[in-house]
């Protein structure tokens, strides 16, 4: 699948990195908390991608019109698998690292004063879908076209992990690495934005609101 907007892609990617890194470090900019900040960033970046990448929307339309229920089911199953990977990883990390519990609690500190209702709505409608649309469907797909499928997958995973590094939170960085590699592989293997979106939404809501790991 060839995309137009080849010149725009690196500019949008750099803009994304510059927008996400301070968000993870500062968590709030004036009255805009982490959840609104994340939602605004994703909305702007996805809009830019849709306007400049002629293959973006047709790829989504094609995917949503084939085997819809099967992809939703697979999305739910992969979300459950990733949750149990994190559950096991959290347990093993607690045995290996004395700081694991404190740093995991630090991740949940991103919640701030936001209500569960607002977090749920934003995860469902913007953040869960938005992260997959930007990092996998836009960034990973374009990197795969420029290099190779494997290289694109690996580079996208590194970038997704890298925006968390300056937080200094080892557990958050490892979580981003595992989740980024997991969802990146799903996209690499199945080429289904819908599957990835469902997986990400269910996992986000489960980990942050229903069955937190702290």
N, C-alpha and C. Protein backbone atom coordinates (compact mmCIF):
# COMPACT_ATOMS: atom_id res chain seq x y z
N UNK A 1 0.86 -1.19 0.00
CA UNK A 1 0.00 0.00 0.00
C UNK A 1 0.89 1.24 0.00
N UNK A 2 0.82 1.99 -1.06
CA UNK A 2 1.66 3.17 -1.18
C UNK A 2 0.94 4.39 -0.64
N UNK A 3 1.70 5.28 -0.04
CA UNK A 3 1.10 6.48 0.55
C UNK A 3 1.65 7.71 -0.13
N UNK A 4 0.82 8.72 -0.24
CA UNK A 4 1.31 10.04 -0.62
C UNK A 4 1.75 10.74 0.66
N UNK A 5 2.21 11.96 0.51
CA UNK A 5 2.63 12.69 1.69
C UNK A 5 3.95 12.20 2.25
N UNK A 6 4.84 11.74 1.36
CA UNK A 6 6.12 11.22 1.83
C UNK A 6 6.93 12.28 2.56
N UNK A 7 6.84 13.52 2.09
CA UNK A 7 7.58 14.59 2.74
C UNK A 7 6.97 14.94 4.09
N UNK A 8 5.65 14.85 4.18
CA UNK A 8 4.97 15.22 5.41
C UNK A 8 5.23 14.23 6.53
N UNK A 9 5.43 12.96 6.19
CA UNK A 9 5.56 11.94 7.23
C UNK A 9 6.66 12.23 8.25
N UNK A 10 7.92 12.48 7.84
CA UNK A 10 8.95 12.76 8.86
C UNK A 10 8.64 14.00 9.69
N UNK A 11 8.00 14.99 9.07
CA UNK A 11 7.66 16.20 9.83
C UNK A 11 6.61 15.90 10.89
N UNK A 12 5.60 15.11 10.53
CA UNK A 12 4.55 14.76 11.48
C UNK A 12 5.12 13.85 12.56
N UNK A 13 6.00 12.94 12.19
CA UNK A 13 6.62 12.06 13.18
C UNK A 13 7.43 12.86 14.19
N UNK A 14 8.25 13.79 13.71
CA UNK A 14 9.05 14.63 14.62
C UNK A 14 8.14 15.47 15.51
N UNK A 15 7.08 16.01 14.92
CA UNK A 15 6.11 16.77 15.71
C UNK A 15 5.52 15.91 16.80
N UNK A 16 5.20 14.66 16.48
CA UNK A 16 4.65 13.75 17.47
C UNK A 16 5.60 13.50 18.62
N UNK A 17 6.86 13.28 18.30
CA UNK A 17 7.86 13.05 19.36
C UNK A 17 7.97 14.28 20.26
N UNK A 18 7.99 15.45 19.63
CA UNK A 18 8.11 16.70 20.40
C UNK A 18 6.86 16.98 21.24
N UNK A 19 5.73 16.48 20.81
CA UNK A 19 4.48 16.69 21.54
C UNK A 19 4.32 15.71 22.70
N UNK A 20 4.78 14.48 22.51
CA UNK A 20 4.56 13.45 23.53
C UNK A 20 5.58 13.49 24.66
N UNK A 21 6.84 13.75 24.35
CA UNK A 21 7.88 13.69 25.39
C UNK A 21 7.58 14.63 26.55
N UNK A 22 7.34 15.94 26.32
CA UNK A 22 7.05 16.81 27.47
C UNK A 22 5.76 16.43 28.19
N UNK A 23 4.81 15.84 27.48
CA UNK A 23 3.56 15.42 28.11
C UNK A 23 3.81 14.36 29.18
N UNK A 24 4.67 13.39 28.87
CA UNK A 24 4.97 12.34 29.83
C UNK A 24 5.82 12.84 30.99
N UNK A 25 6.62 13.87 30.75
CA UNK A 25 7.47 14.40 31.82
C UNK A 25 6.67 15.33 32.73
N UNK A 26 5.90 16.26 32.15
CA UNK A 26 5.22 17.30 32.93
C UNK A 26 3.84 16.86 33.43
N UNK A 27 3.16 16.06 32.63
CA UNK A 27 1.83 15.52 32.95
C UNK A 27 0.70 16.55 32.91
N UNK A 28 1.04 17.81 33.03
CA UNK A 28 0.00 18.85 33.00
C UNK A 28 0.61 20.14 32.47
N UNK A 29 -0.19 20.84 31.66
CA UNK A 29 0.22 22.14 31.15
C UNK A 29 -0.87 23.13 31.48
N UNK A 30 -0.67 23.90 32.53
CA UNK A 30 -1.70 24.83 32.99
C UNK A 30 -2.95 24.07 33.38
N UNK A 31 -4.10 24.44 32.83
CA UNK A 31 -5.35 23.75 33.17
C UNK A 31 -5.54 22.43 32.43
N UNK A 32 -4.65 22.13 31.49
CA UNK A 32 -4.79 20.92 30.67
C UNK A 32 -4.04 19.77 31.33
N UNK A 33 -4.79 18.77 31.82
CA UNK A 33 -4.14 17.65 32.49
C UNK A 33 -3.68 16.62 31.46
N UNK A 34 -3.06 15.55 31.95
CA UNK A 34 -2.47 14.53 31.08
C UNK A 34 -3.49 13.98 30.10
N UNK A 35 -4.70 13.71 30.53
CA UNK A 35 -5.69 13.03 29.70
C UNK A 35 -6.19 13.92 28.57
N UNK A 36 -6.42 15.21 28.88
CA UNK A 36 -6.78 16.14 27.81
C UNK A 36 -5.59 16.38 26.88
N UNK A 37 -4.41 16.48 27.45
CA UNK A 37 -3.20 16.72 26.65
C UNK A 37 -2.99 15.57 25.66
N UNK A 38 -3.08 14.35 26.15
CA UNK A 38 -2.93 13.19 25.28
C UNK A 38 -3.98 13.20 24.18
N UNK A 39 -5.21 13.50 24.54
CA UNK A 39 -6.30 13.50 23.57
C UNK A 39 -6.09 14.57 22.50
N UNK A 40 -5.65 15.75 22.92
CA UNK A 40 -5.39 16.84 21.96
C UNK A 40 -4.26 16.46 21.02
N UNK A 41 -3.16 15.94 21.57
CA UNK A 41 -2.03 15.53 20.74
C UNK A 41 -2.45 14.53 19.68
N UNK A 42 -3.16 13.50 20.10
CA UNK A 42 -3.55 12.45 19.17
C UNK A 42 -4.51 12.98 18.10
N UNK A 43 -5.43 13.81 18.50
CA UNK A 43 -6.37 14.37 17.53
C UNK A 43 -5.65 15.19 16.47
N UNK A 44 -4.71 16.01 16.89
CA UNK A 44 -3.95 16.84 15.94
C UNK A 44 -3.09 15.98 15.01
N UNK A 45 -2.41 15.00 15.56
CA UNK A 45 -1.49 14.18 14.77
C UNK A 45 -2.24 13.29 13.79
N UNK A 46 -3.34 12.70 14.23
CA UNK A 46 -4.12 11.85 13.33
C UNK A 46 -4.75 12.69 12.22
N UNK A 47 -5.23 13.87 12.56
CA UNK A 47 -5.79 14.76 11.55
C UNK A 47 -4.75 15.10 10.49
N UNK A 48 -3.54 15.40 10.94
CA UNK A 48 -2.46 15.69 10.00
C UNK A 48 -2.15 14.49 9.12
N UNK A 49 -2.15 13.31 9.73
CA UNK A 49 -1.90 12.09 8.96
C UNK A 49 -2.97 11.84 7.91
N UNK A 50 -4.22 12.01 8.28
CA UNK A 50 -5.32 11.79 7.35
C UNK A 50 -5.29 12.79 6.19
N UNK A 51 -4.89 14.02 6.48
CA UNK A 51 -4.86 15.05 5.45
C UNK A 51 -3.71 14.87 4.46
N UNK A 52 -2.63 14.24 4.88
CA UNK A 52 -1.44 14.15 4.03
C UNK A 52 -1.16 12.76 3.49
N UNK A 53 -1.77 11.75 4.05
CA UNK A 53 -1.50 10.36 3.66
C UNK A 53 -2.74 9.80 2.96
N UNK A 54 -2.68 9.67 1.66
CA UNK A 54 -3.85 9.27 0.88
C UNK A 54 -4.27 7.82 1.11
N UNK A 55 -3.37 7.02 1.67
CA UNK A 55 -3.70 5.61 1.92
C UNK A 55 -4.28 5.37 3.30
N UNK A 56 -4.22 6.37 4.17
CA UNK A 56 -4.63 6.21 5.57
C UNK A 56 -6.11 5.82 5.66
N UNK A 57 -6.99 6.67 5.18
CA UNK A 57 -8.43 6.42 5.34
C UNK A 57 -8.90 5.20 4.55
N UNK A 58 -8.46 5.00 3.29
CA UNK A 58 -8.87 3.78 2.57
C UNK A 58 -8.49 2.50 3.31
N UNK A 59 -7.32 2.50 3.95
CA UNK A 59 -6.89 1.34 4.73
C UNK A 59 -7.86 1.08 5.88
N UNK A 60 -8.28 2.14 6.57
CA UNK A 60 -9.24 1.99 7.67
C UNK A 60 -10.58 1.51 7.14
N UNK A 61 -11.06 2.11 6.07
CA UNK A 61 -12.37 1.76 5.52
C UNK A 61 -12.40 0.29 5.08
N UNK A 62 -11.36 -0.15 4.42
CA UNK A 62 -11.29 -1.53 3.97
C UNK A 62 -11.29 -2.50 5.15
N UNK A 63 -10.52 -2.16 6.17
CA UNK A 63 -10.41 -3.04 7.33
C UNK A 63 -11.73 -3.16 8.08
N UNK A 64 -12.43 -2.04 8.25
CA UNK A 64 -13.68 -2.05 9.02
C UNK A 64 -14.81 -2.74 8.27
N UNK A 65 -14.63 -3.00 6.97
CA UNK A 65 -15.69 -3.63 6.19
C UNK A 65 -15.47 -5.12 5.96
N UNK A 66 -14.49 -5.70 6.63
CA UNK A 66 -14.27 -7.14 6.46
C UNK A 66 -14.06 -7.81 7.81
N UNK A 67 -14.79 -8.90 8.04
CA UNK A 67 -14.67 -9.74 9.25
C UNK A 67 -14.69 -8.90 10.53
N UNK A 68 -15.63 -8.01 10.60
CA UNK A 68 -15.71 -7.06 11.71
C UNK A 68 -15.79 -7.78 13.06
N UNK A 69 -16.72 -8.69 13.21
CA UNK A 69 -16.93 -9.36 14.50
C UNK A 69 -15.73 -10.22 14.88
N UNK A 70 -15.12 -10.86 13.90
CA UNK A 70 -13.94 -11.68 14.17
C UNK A 70 -12.80 -10.82 14.71
N UNK A 71 -12.61 -9.65 14.12
CA UNK A 71 -11.54 -8.76 14.57
C UNK A 71 -11.82 -8.21 15.97
N UNK A 72 -13.09 -7.92 16.25
CA UNK A 72 -13.45 -7.47 17.60
C UNK A 72 -13.17 -8.56 18.62
N UNK A 73 -13.52 -9.81 18.29
CA UNK A 73 -13.25 -10.94 19.19
C UNK A 73 -11.76 -11.11 19.41
N UNK A 74 -10.97 -11.09 18.34
CA UNK A 74 -9.52 -11.22 18.47
C UNK A 74 -8.94 -10.07 19.28
N UNK A 75 -9.50 -8.88 19.09
CA UNK A 75 -9.04 -7.74 19.87
C UNK A 75 -9.24 -7.97 21.35
N UNK A 76 -10.40 -8.48 21.72
CA UNK A 76 -10.67 -8.77 23.13
C UNK A 76 -9.75 -9.85 23.68
N UNK A 77 -9.52 -10.89 22.91
CA UNK A 77 -8.65 -11.98 23.36
C UNK A 77 -7.20 -11.51 23.52
N UNK A 78 -6.73 -10.69 22.58
CA UNK A 78 -5.35 -10.21 22.69
C UNK A 78 -5.20 -9.23 23.85
N UNK A 79 -6.25 -8.46 24.15
CA UNK A 79 -6.20 -7.57 25.30
C UNK A 79 -6.07 -8.38 26.59
N UNK A 80 -6.82 -9.48 26.68
CA UNK A 80 -6.74 -10.35 27.85
C UNK A 80 -5.34 -10.97 27.97
N UNK A 81 -4.79 -11.39 26.83
CA UNK A 81 -3.44 -11.96 26.84
C UNK A 81 -2.42 -10.94 27.32
N UNK A 82 -2.50 -9.71 26.81
CA UNK A 82 -1.55 -8.68 27.22
C UNK A 82 -1.72 -8.34 28.71
N UNK A 83 -2.96 -8.33 29.18
CA UNK A 83 -3.19 -8.06 30.60
C UNK A 83 -2.47 -9.10 31.46
N UNK A 84 -2.59 -10.37 31.11
CA UNK A 84 -1.95 -11.41 31.91
C UNK A 84 -0.43 -11.39 31.77
N UNK A 85 0.07 -10.95 30.62
CA UNK A 85 1.52 -10.74 30.49
C UNK A 85 1.98 -9.67 31.47
N UNK A 86 1.22 -8.59 31.59
CA UNK A 86 1.56 -7.52 32.53
C UNK A 86 1.39 -7.98 33.97
N UNK A 87 0.37 -8.78 34.23
CA UNK A 87 0.16 -9.30 35.58
C UNK A 87 1.35 -10.14 36.01
N UNK A 88 1.81 -11.02 35.13
CA UNK A 88 2.98 -11.84 35.43
C UNK A 88 4.23 -10.98 35.53
N UNK A 89 4.37 -10.03 34.60
CA UNK A 89 5.54 -9.16 34.63
C UNK A 89 5.60 -8.33 35.89
N UNK A 90 4.45 -7.84 36.35
CA UNK A 90 4.42 -7.07 37.59
C UNK A 90 4.83 -7.91 38.79
N UNK A 91 4.37 -9.14 38.80
CA UNK A 91 4.73 -10.04 39.91
C UNK A 91 6.24 -10.33 39.91
N UNK A 92 6.78 -10.66 38.74
CA UNK A 92 8.21 -10.96 38.66
C UNK A 92 9.06 -9.73 38.94
N UNK A 93 8.60 -8.57 38.48
CA UNK A 93 9.34 -7.34 38.74
C UNK A 93 9.40 -7.04 40.23
N UNK A 94 8.30 -7.33 40.94
CA UNK A 94 8.29 -7.12 42.38
C UNK A 94 9.29 -7.98 43.10
N UNK A 95 9.56 -9.16 42.54
CA UNK A 95 10.55 -10.06 43.13
C UNK A 95 11.97 -9.61 42.82
N UNK A 96 12.16 -9.00 41.66
CA UNK A 96 13.51 -8.67 41.20
C UNK A 96 13.96 -7.26 41.56
N UNK A 97 13.02 -6.31 41.59
CA UNK A 97 13.39 -4.91 41.78
C UNK A 97 12.67 -4.32 42.99
N UNK A 98 13.41 -3.77 43.92
CA UNK A 98 12.82 -3.21 45.13
C UNK A 98 11.98 -1.97 44.83
N UNK A 99 12.26 -1.33 43.69
CA UNK A 99 11.57 -0.09 43.35
C UNK A 99 10.33 -0.32 42.50
N UNK A 100 10.05 -1.58 42.14
CA UNK A 100 8.98 -1.86 41.18
C UNK A 100 7.63 -1.33 41.65
N UNK A 101 7.27 -1.62 42.89
CA UNK A 101 5.96 -1.21 43.39
C UNK A 101 5.79 0.29 43.39
N UNK A 102 6.82 1.00 43.82
CA UNK A 102 6.75 2.47 43.87
C UNK A 102 6.61 3.05 42.47
N UNK A 103 7.36 2.49 41.52
CA UNK A 103 7.30 3.03 40.16
C UNK A 103 5.98 2.69 39.48
N UNK A 104 5.42 1.53 39.76
CA UNK A 104 4.11 1.19 39.21
C UNK A 104 3.05 2.14 39.76
N UNK A 105 3.14 2.43 41.05
CA UNK A 105 2.23 3.42 41.63
C UNK A 105 2.42 4.78 40.98
N UNK A 106 3.67 5.09 40.59
CA UNK A 106 3.95 6.35 39.91
C UNK A 106 3.24 6.43 38.57
N UNK A 107 3.14 5.30 37.88
CA UNK A 107 2.41 5.28 36.61
C UNK A 107 0.94 5.62 36.84
N UNK A 108 0.37 5.06 37.89
CA UNK A 108 -1.03 5.36 38.19
C UNK A 108 -1.21 6.79 38.69
N UNK A 109 -0.09 7.43 39.05
CA UNK A 109 -0.16 8.84 39.42
C UNK A 109 -0.52 9.74 38.25
N UNK A 110 -0.39 9.21 37.02
CA UNK A 110 -0.81 9.99 35.85
C UNK A 110 -2.30 10.30 35.91
N UNK A 111 -3.03 9.52 36.68
CA UNK A 111 -4.47 9.75 36.78
C UNK A 111 -4.76 11.14 37.33
N UNK A 112 -3.96 11.61 38.28
CA UNK A 112 -4.17 12.93 38.84
C UNK A 112 -5.54 13.07 39.46
N UNK A 113 -6.18 14.19 39.20
CA UNK A 113 -7.52 14.46 39.74
C UNK A 113 -8.64 14.14 38.76
N UNK A 114 -8.29 13.52 37.64
CA UNK A 114 -9.31 13.22 36.63
C UNK A 114 -10.28 12.16 37.15
N UNK A 115 -11.54 12.33 36.83
CA UNK A 115 -12.54 11.36 37.26
C UNK A 115 -12.44 10.09 36.42
N UNK A 116 -12.86 8.98 37.01
CA UNK A 116 -12.86 7.70 36.29
C UNK A 116 -13.75 7.79 35.05
N UNK A 117 -14.85 8.53 35.17
CA UNK A 117 -15.77 8.66 34.05
C UNK A 117 -15.09 9.34 32.87
N UNK A 118 -14.37 10.43 33.13
CA UNK A 118 -13.71 11.15 32.03
C UNK A 118 -12.59 10.31 31.43
N UNK A 119 -11.82 9.64 32.27
CA UNK A 119 -10.75 8.78 31.76
C UNK A 119 -11.34 7.68 30.88
N UNK A 120 -12.44 7.09 31.33
CA UNK A 120 -13.08 6.02 30.56
C UNK A 120 -13.52 6.53 29.19
N UNK A 121 -14.19 7.66 29.15
CA UNK A 121 -14.68 8.20 27.88
C UNK A 121 -13.52 8.53 26.94
N UNK A 122 -12.48 9.17 27.47
CA UNK A 122 -11.35 9.53 26.62
C UNK A 122 -10.59 8.30 26.13
N UNK A 123 -10.43 7.30 26.99
CA UNK A 123 -9.78 6.06 26.55
C UNK A 123 -10.59 5.36 25.48
N UNK A 124 -11.90 5.35 25.66
CA UNK A 124 -12.78 4.65 24.72
C UNK A 124 -12.85 5.33 23.36
N UNK A 125 -12.94 6.64 23.36
CA UNK A 125 -13.21 7.37 22.12
C UNK A 125 -11.99 8.00 21.47
N UNK A 126 -10.97 8.32 22.27
CA UNK A 126 -9.83 9.07 21.71
C UNK A 126 -8.50 8.36 21.94
N UNK A 127 -8.16 8.07 23.18
CA UNK A 127 -6.80 7.62 23.49
C UNK A 127 -6.53 6.21 22.99
N UNK A 128 -7.40 5.26 23.29
CA UNK A 128 -7.19 3.90 22.80
C UNK A 128 -7.13 3.83 21.29
N UNK A 129 -8.18 4.32 20.60
CA UNK A 129 -8.12 4.33 19.13
C UNK A 129 -6.98 5.20 18.60
N UNK A 130 -6.78 6.36 19.22
CA UNK A 130 -5.81 7.31 18.70
C UNK A 130 -4.39 6.80 18.73
N UNK A 131 -4.00 6.12 19.80
CA UNK A 131 -2.63 5.61 19.87
C UNK A 131 -2.38 4.58 18.77
N UNK A 132 -3.36 3.73 18.51
CA UNK A 132 -3.18 2.74 17.45
C UNK A 132 -3.19 3.39 16.07
N UNK A 133 -4.08 4.34 15.87
CA UNK A 133 -4.13 5.01 14.57
C UNK A 133 -2.84 5.77 14.29
N UNK A 134 -2.26 6.40 15.30
CA UNK A 134 -1.03 7.15 15.06
C UNK A 134 0.19 6.23 15.02
N UNK A 135 0.44 5.48 16.09
CA UNK A 135 1.69 4.74 16.21
C UNK A 135 1.78 3.52 15.30
N UNK A 136 0.68 2.82 15.13
CA UNK A 136 0.73 1.64 14.28
C UNK A 136 0.28 1.95 12.85
N UNK A 137 -0.94 2.48 12.68
CA UNK A 137 -1.50 2.62 11.34
C UNK A 137 -0.80 3.72 10.55
N UNK A 138 -0.35 4.76 11.23
CA UNK A 138 0.35 5.83 10.50
C UNK A 138 1.87 5.65 10.57
N UNK A 139 2.43 5.65 11.77
CA UNK A 139 3.89 5.62 11.89
C UNK A 139 4.46 4.28 11.42
N UNK A 140 4.00 3.18 11.99
CA UNK A 140 4.58 1.89 11.63
C UNK A 140 4.38 1.57 10.15
N UNK A 141 3.20 1.82 9.63
CA UNK A 141 2.94 1.53 8.21
C UNK A 141 3.86 2.33 7.30
N UNK A 142 4.04 3.62 7.61
CA UNK A 142 4.92 4.44 6.77
C UNK A 142 6.38 4.01 6.90
N UNK A 143 6.80 3.64 8.09
CA UNK A 143 8.17 3.15 8.25
C UNK A 143 8.38 1.83 7.52
N UNK A 144 7.36 0.98 7.53
CA UNK A 144 7.46 -0.28 6.80
C UNK A 144 7.60 -0.03 5.30
N UNK A 145 6.88 0.96 4.78
CA UNK A 145 6.96 1.28 3.36
C UNK A 145 8.33 1.85 2.99
N UNK A 146 8.93 2.61 3.90
CA UNK A 146 10.21 3.24 3.62
C UNK A 146 11.37 2.26 3.76
N UNK A 147 11.25 1.29 4.65
CA UNK A 147 12.35 0.36 4.91
C UNK A 147 11.93 -1.06 4.57
N UNK A 148 11.37 -1.76 5.52
CA UNK A 148 10.84 -3.11 5.32
C UNK A 148 9.84 -3.37 6.43
N UNK A 149 8.98 -4.38 6.28
CA UNK A 149 8.00 -4.65 7.34
C UNK A 149 8.64 -4.88 8.71
N UNK A 150 9.69 -5.66 8.77
CA UNK A 150 10.34 -5.94 10.06
C UNK A 150 11.01 -4.69 10.60
N UNK A 151 11.74 -3.97 9.75
CA UNK A 151 12.41 -2.75 10.20
C UNK A 151 11.40 -1.71 10.66
N UNK A 152 10.30 -1.58 9.94
CA UNK A 152 9.26 -0.63 10.34
C UNK A 152 8.66 -0.97 11.68
N UNK A 153 8.40 -2.25 11.89
CA UNK A 153 7.88 -2.71 13.17
C UNK A 153 8.84 -2.40 14.31
N UNK A 154 10.11 -2.71 14.11
CA UNK A 154 11.12 -2.49 15.16
C UNK A 154 11.33 -1.00 15.42
N UNK A 155 11.42 -0.20 14.37
CA UNK A 155 11.62 1.24 14.55
C UNK A 155 10.43 1.89 15.26
N UNK A 156 9.22 1.50 14.88
CA UNK A 156 8.03 2.05 15.53
C UNK A 156 8.00 1.69 17.01
N UNK A 157 8.41 0.47 17.33
CA UNK A 157 8.45 0.03 18.73
C UNK A 157 9.47 0.83 19.52
N UNK A 158 10.62 1.08 18.91
CA UNK A 158 11.67 1.87 19.58
C UNK A 158 11.17 3.30 19.82
N UNK A 159 10.53 3.89 18.84
CA UNK A 159 10.03 5.26 19.00
C UNK A 159 8.94 5.34 20.05
N UNK A 160 8.03 4.38 20.04
CA UNK A 160 6.94 4.34 21.02
C UNK A 160 7.51 4.20 22.43
N UNK A 161 8.55 3.40 22.58
CA UNK A 161 9.20 3.24 23.87
C UNK A 161 9.98 4.50 24.23
N UNK A 162 10.65 5.08 23.24
CA UNK A 162 11.56 6.19 23.49
C UNK A 162 10.90 7.43 24.06
N UNK A 163 9.62 7.67 23.72
CA UNK A 163 8.98 8.88 24.23
C UNK A 163 8.76 8.82 25.74
N UNK A 164 8.94 7.63 26.33
CA UNK A 164 8.76 7.48 27.78
C UNK A 164 10.08 7.55 28.56
N UNK A 165 11.20 7.55 27.87
CA UNK A 165 12.49 7.36 28.55
C UNK A 165 12.80 8.48 29.53
N UNK A 166 12.53 9.72 29.15
CA UNK A 166 12.90 10.84 30.01
C UNK A 166 12.06 10.93 31.28
N UNK A 167 11.04 10.09 31.41
CA UNK A 167 10.31 10.04 32.68
C UNK A 167 11.20 9.46 33.78
N UNK A 168 12.21 8.67 33.40
CA UNK A 168 13.07 8.03 34.38
C UNK A 168 12.40 6.89 35.12
N UNK A 169 11.19 6.54 34.72
CA UNK A 169 10.46 5.46 35.38
C UNK A 169 10.71 4.16 34.61
N UNK A 170 11.57 3.31 35.16
CA UNK A 170 11.96 2.08 34.48
C UNK A 170 10.75 1.19 34.18
N UNK A 171 9.83 1.09 35.12
CA UNK A 171 8.66 0.23 34.93
C UNK A 171 7.76 0.76 33.81
N UNK A 172 7.62 2.07 33.71
CA UNK A 172 6.83 2.66 32.64
C UNK A 172 7.50 2.43 31.29
N UNK A 173 8.81 2.57 31.24
CA UNK A 173 9.55 2.36 29.99
C UNK A 173 9.40 0.91 29.53
N UNK A 174 9.55 -0.04 30.47
CA UNK A 174 9.40 -1.45 30.13
C UNK A 174 7.96 -1.77 29.71
N UNK A 175 7.01 -1.12 30.36
CA UNK A 175 5.60 -1.33 29.99
C UNK A 175 5.37 -0.84 28.56
N UNK A 176 5.93 0.32 28.22
CA UNK A 176 5.78 0.85 26.86
C UNK A 176 6.45 -0.07 25.84
N UNK A 177 7.61 -0.62 26.21
CA UNK A 177 8.32 -1.54 25.31
C UNK A 177 7.50 -2.79 25.05
N UNK A 178 6.98 -3.39 26.12
CA UNK A 178 6.21 -4.63 25.97
C UNK A 178 4.92 -4.37 25.19
N UNK A 179 4.19 -3.33 25.58
CA UNK A 179 2.92 -3.03 24.91
C UNK A 179 3.16 -2.62 23.46
N UNK A 180 4.18 -1.78 23.22
CA UNK A 180 4.48 -1.36 21.87
C UNK A 180 4.88 -2.52 20.98
N UNK A 181 5.70 -3.42 21.51
CA UNK A 181 6.11 -4.60 20.73
C UNK A 181 4.91 -5.51 20.47
N UNK A 182 4.04 -5.65 21.46
CA UNK A 182 2.87 -6.52 21.33
C UNK A 182 1.91 -5.99 20.27
N UNK A 183 1.49 -4.74 20.40
CA UNK A 183 0.55 -4.17 19.42
C UNK A 183 1.20 -3.98 18.06
N UNK A 184 2.49 -3.66 18.05
CA UNK A 184 3.19 -3.55 16.78
C UNK A 184 3.22 -4.86 16.04
N UNK A 185 3.43 -5.96 16.78
CA UNK A 185 3.43 -7.27 16.14
C UNK A 185 2.04 -7.62 15.62
N UNK A 186 1.00 -7.30 16.40
CA UNK A 186 -0.36 -7.57 15.93
C UNK A 186 -0.61 -6.87 14.60
N UNK A 187 -0.18 -5.62 14.51
CA UNK A 187 -0.40 -4.89 13.26
C UNK A 187 0.46 -5.47 12.13
N UNK A 188 1.70 -5.79 12.45
CA UNK A 188 2.61 -6.41 11.47
C UNK A 188 2.03 -7.73 10.94
N UNK A 189 1.42 -8.50 11.84
CA UNK A 189 0.93 -9.83 11.47
C UNK A 189 -0.43 -9.79 10.78
N UNK A 190 -1.36 -8.98 11.30
CA UNK A 190 -2.74 -9.04 10.83
C UNK A 190 -3.17 -7.83 9.99
N UNK A 191 -2.42 -6.76 10.01
CA UNK A 191 -2.73 -5.55 9.23
C UNK A 191 -4.14 -5.06 9.50
N UNK A 192 -4.59 -5.13 10.73
CA UNK A 192 -5.97 -4.74 11.06
C UNK A 192 -6.00 -3.63 12.09
N UNK A 193 -6.25 -2.39 11.67
CA UNK A 193 -6.42 -1.30 12.64
C UNK A 193 -7.51 -1.60 13.66
N UNK A 194 -8.61 -2.21 13.21
CA UNK A 194 -9.72 -2.49 14.11
C UNK A 194 -9.32 -3.44 15.22
N UNK A 195 -8.63 -4.52 14.87
CA UNK A 195 -8.17 -5.47 15.88
C UNK A 195 -7.30 -4.75 16.92
N UNK A 196 -6.35 -3.96 16.44
CA UNK A 196 -5.46 -3.24 17.35
C UNK A 196 -6.22 -2.25 18.24
N UNK A 197 -7.17 -1.55 17.65
CA UNK A 197 -7.92 -0.55 18.41
C UNK A 197 -8.72 -1.21 19.53
N UNK A 198 -9.42 -2.29 19.21
CA UNK A 198 -10.21 -2.99 20.23
C UNK A 198 -9.30 -3.51 21.33
N UNK A 199 -8.18 -4.10 20.95
CA UNK A 199 -7.23 -4.61 21.94
C UNK A 199 -6.74 -3.50 22.86
N UNK A 200 -6.39 -2.36 22.29
CA UNK A 200 -5.83 -1.26 23.07
C UNK A 200 -6.89 -0.66 24.00
N UNK A 201 -8.10 -0.47 23.50
CA UNK A 201 -9.16 0.10 24.34
C UNK A 201 -9.45 -0.79 25.55
N UNK A 202 -9.64 -2.08 25.29
CA UNK A 202 -9.99 -3.00 26.39
C UNK A 202 -8.85 -3.08 27.39
N UNK A 203 -7.62 -3.14 26.89
CA UNK A 203 -6.47 -3.23 27.81
C UNK A 203 -6.35 -1.96 28.64
N UNK A 204 -6.44 -0.80 28.01
CA UNK A 204 -6.35 0.47 28.73
C UNK A 204 -7.37 0.55 29.86
N UNK A 205 -8.61 0.29 29.54
CA UNK A 205 -9.68 0.42 30.53
C UNK A 205 -9.52 -0.61 31.64
N UNK A 206 -9.10 -1.82 31.28
CA UNK A 206 -8.89 -2.86 32.28
C UNK A 206 -7.77 -2.50 33.24
N UNK A 207 -6.64 -2.06 32.70
CA UNK A 207 -5.46 -1.80 33.53
C UNK A 207 -5.61 -0.54 34.38
N UNK A 208 -6.24 0.48 33.83
CA UNK A 208 -6.32 1.74 34.57
C UNK A 208 -7.56 1.87 35.44
N UNK A 209 -8.65 1.20 35.06
CA UNK A 209 -9.90 1.47 35.77
C UNK A 209 -10.53 0.24 36.42
N UNK A 210 -10.50 -0.91 35.78
CA UNK A 210 -11.25 -2.06 36.28
C UNK A 210 -10.39 -2.97 37.15
N UNK A 211 -9.24 -3.36 36.62
CA UNK A 211 -8.34 -4.28 37.34
C UNK A 211 -6.93 -3.70 37.40
N UNK A 212 -6.74 -2.59 38.11
CA UNK A 212 -5.41 -1.97 38.17
C UNK A 212 -4.36 -2.92 38.75
N UNK A 213 -3.14 -2.75 38.29
CA UNK A 213 -2.06 -3.66 38.66
C UNK A 213 -1.25 -3.18 39.87
N UNK A 214 -1.68 -2.09 40.48
CA UNK A 214 -0.95 -1.59 41.65
C UNK A 214 -1.64 -2.01 42.94
